[in-house]
Amino acid sequence: MIINIKLYMIEDRDDKYLEMIKGIIREVMSELGLNDSIIRFISVKISRDYIDVIRGMMLGGEGPAEFMPIINELREYEIFDLPALIINGRKIIEGRDLSPR
């Protein structure tokens, strides 16, 4: 079974969460003797320059058409705050309360 992990984050603000998730993945893989192909990790970094536009679009406002793919993803997972962690298509947590637990 492949585990898909996706972290939505604000670039340069949430880097500590990115490093924390990567560290946890390495630790779990090492402890369980898993190979690299069992976990797929993707980080989606949203620029601080565009976060207000994206938030406005999430609330029904208008914005650039090229933002629609990320808007659709955020809506699909019902993400309203960043960072947000998705594991196997299920939102686990969102907001700045991410911890190793």
Protein backbone atom coordinates (compact mmCIF):
# COMPACT_ATOMS: atom_id res chain seq x y z
CA MET A 1 0.00 0.00 0.00
CA ILE A 2 1.26 3.47 -0.89
CA ILE A 3 0.72 6.29 1.58
CA ASN A 4 0.10 9.68 -0.04
CA ILE A 5 0.90 12.71 2.11
CA LYS A 6 0.35 16.28 0.98
CA LEU A 7 1.23 19.42 2.92
CA TYR A 8 -0.32 22.71 1.84
CA MET A 9 1.72 25.59 3.22
CA ILE A 10 2.62 29.25 2.87
CA GLU A 11 6.09 29.58 1.41
CA ASP A 12 8.73 30.94 3.82
CA ARG A 13 6.25 30.98 6.72
CA ASP A 14 5.55 27.30 7.26
CA ASP A 15 8.98 25.85 6.49
CA LYS A 16 9.29 24.46 10.03
CA TYR A 17 6.22 22.30 9.40
CA LEU A 18 7.71 21.04 6.15
CA GLU A 19 10.92 20.01 7.91
CA MET A 20 8.96 18.45 10.78
CA ILE A 21 6.87 16.30 8.40
CA LYS A 22 9.95 15.22 6.44
CA GLY A 23 11.68 14.25 9.68
CA ILE A 24 8.71 12.22 10.90
CA ILE A 25 8.51 10.41 7.55
CA ARG A 26 12.23 9.55 7.69
CA GLU A 27 11.89 8.33 11.28
CA VAL A 28 8.85 6.15 10.57
CA MET A 29 10.42 4.67 7.44
CA SER A 30 13.60 3.87 9.34
CA GLU A 31 11.83 2.32 12.34
CA LEU A 32 9.54 0.20 10.19
CA GLY A 33 12.18 -0.68 7.59
CA LEU A 34 10.13 0.78 4.73
CA ASN A 35 11.58 1.63 1.35
CA ASP A 36 11.29 5.04 -0.32
CA SER A 37 8.49 4.02 -2.67
CA ILE A 38 5.91 3.32 0.06
CA ILE A 39 5.37 6.99 1.00
CA ARG A 40 4.71 9.74 -1.53
CA PHE A 41 5.15 13.18 -0.01
CA ILE A 42 4.26 16.40 -1.81
CA SER A 43 4.43 19.92 -0.44
CA VAL A 44 2.29 22.57 -2.09
CA LYS A 45 3.83 25.96 -1.38
CA ILE A 46 1.63 29.01 -1.80
CA SER A 47 3.43 32.32 -2.14
CA ARG A 48 2.73 34.95 0.52
CA ASP A 49 2.23 37.39 -2.36
CA TYR A 50 -0.89 35.53 -3.49
CA ILE A 51 -2.42 34.23 -0.27
CA ASP A 52 -4.90 37.13 0.06
CA VAL A 53 -6.07 36.66 -3.54
CA ILE A 54 -6.50 32.91 -2.96
CA ARG A 55 -8.42 33.48 0.29
CA GLY A 56 -10.69 35.93 -1.52
CA MET A 57 -11.31 33.43 -4.31
CA MET A 58 -12.11 30.74 -1.72
CA LEU A 59 -14.85 33.05 -0.43
CA GLY A 60 -16.30 33.50 -3.92
CA GLY A 61 -14.29 36.47 -5.13
CA GLU A 62 -12.66 36.76 -8.50
CA GLY A 63 -9.04 36.20 -9.35
CA PRO A 64 -6.66 34.88 -11.97
CA ALA A 65 -7.80 31.74 -13.78
CA GLU A 66 -4.42 30.09 -13.19
CA PHE A 67 -5.24 29.94 -9.46
CA MET A 68 -8.30 27.75 -10.04
CA PRO A 69 -6.47 24.40 -9.74
CA ILE A 70 -5.24 25.25 -6.22
CA ILE A 71 -8.62 26.76 -5.30
CA ASN A 72 -10.33 23.55 -6.41
CA GLU A 73 -7.92 21.42 -4.36
CA LEU A 74 -8.41 23.53 -1.24
CA ARG A 75 -12.17 23.34 -1.67
CA GLU A 76 -12.05 19.57 -2.27
CA TYR A 77 -10.37 19.01 1.09
CA GLU A 78 -12.33 21.82 2.81
CA ILE A 79 -9.13 23.65 3.71
CA PHE A 80 -9.68 27.15 5.08
CA ASP A 81 -6.41 27.72 6.93
CA LEU A 82 -2.78 26.85 6.27
CA PRO A 83 -0.75 24.78 6.80
CA ALA A 84 -2.94 21.75 6.14
CA LEU A 85 -1.96 18.09 6.13
CA ILE A 86 -3.73 15.56 3.90
CA ILE A 87 -3.02 11.83 4.22
CA ASN A 88 -4.55 9.43 1.69
CA GLY A 89 -7.11 12.01 0.59
CA ARG A 90 -8.29 12.85 4.12
CA LYS A 91 -7.65 16.15 5.86
CA ILE A 92 -5.86 15.37 9.11
CA ILE A 93 -5.26 18.86 10.46
CA GLU A 94 -5.16 22.47 9.35
CA GLY A 95 -3.93 25.66 10.94
CA ARG A 96 -0.73 26.40 12.77
CA ASP A 97 -1.28 23.74 15.45
CA LEU A 98 0.65 21.00 13.65
CA SER A 99 2.81 19.01 16.03
CA PRO A 100 4.69 15.71 15.81
CA ARG A 101 1.76 14.00 17.55
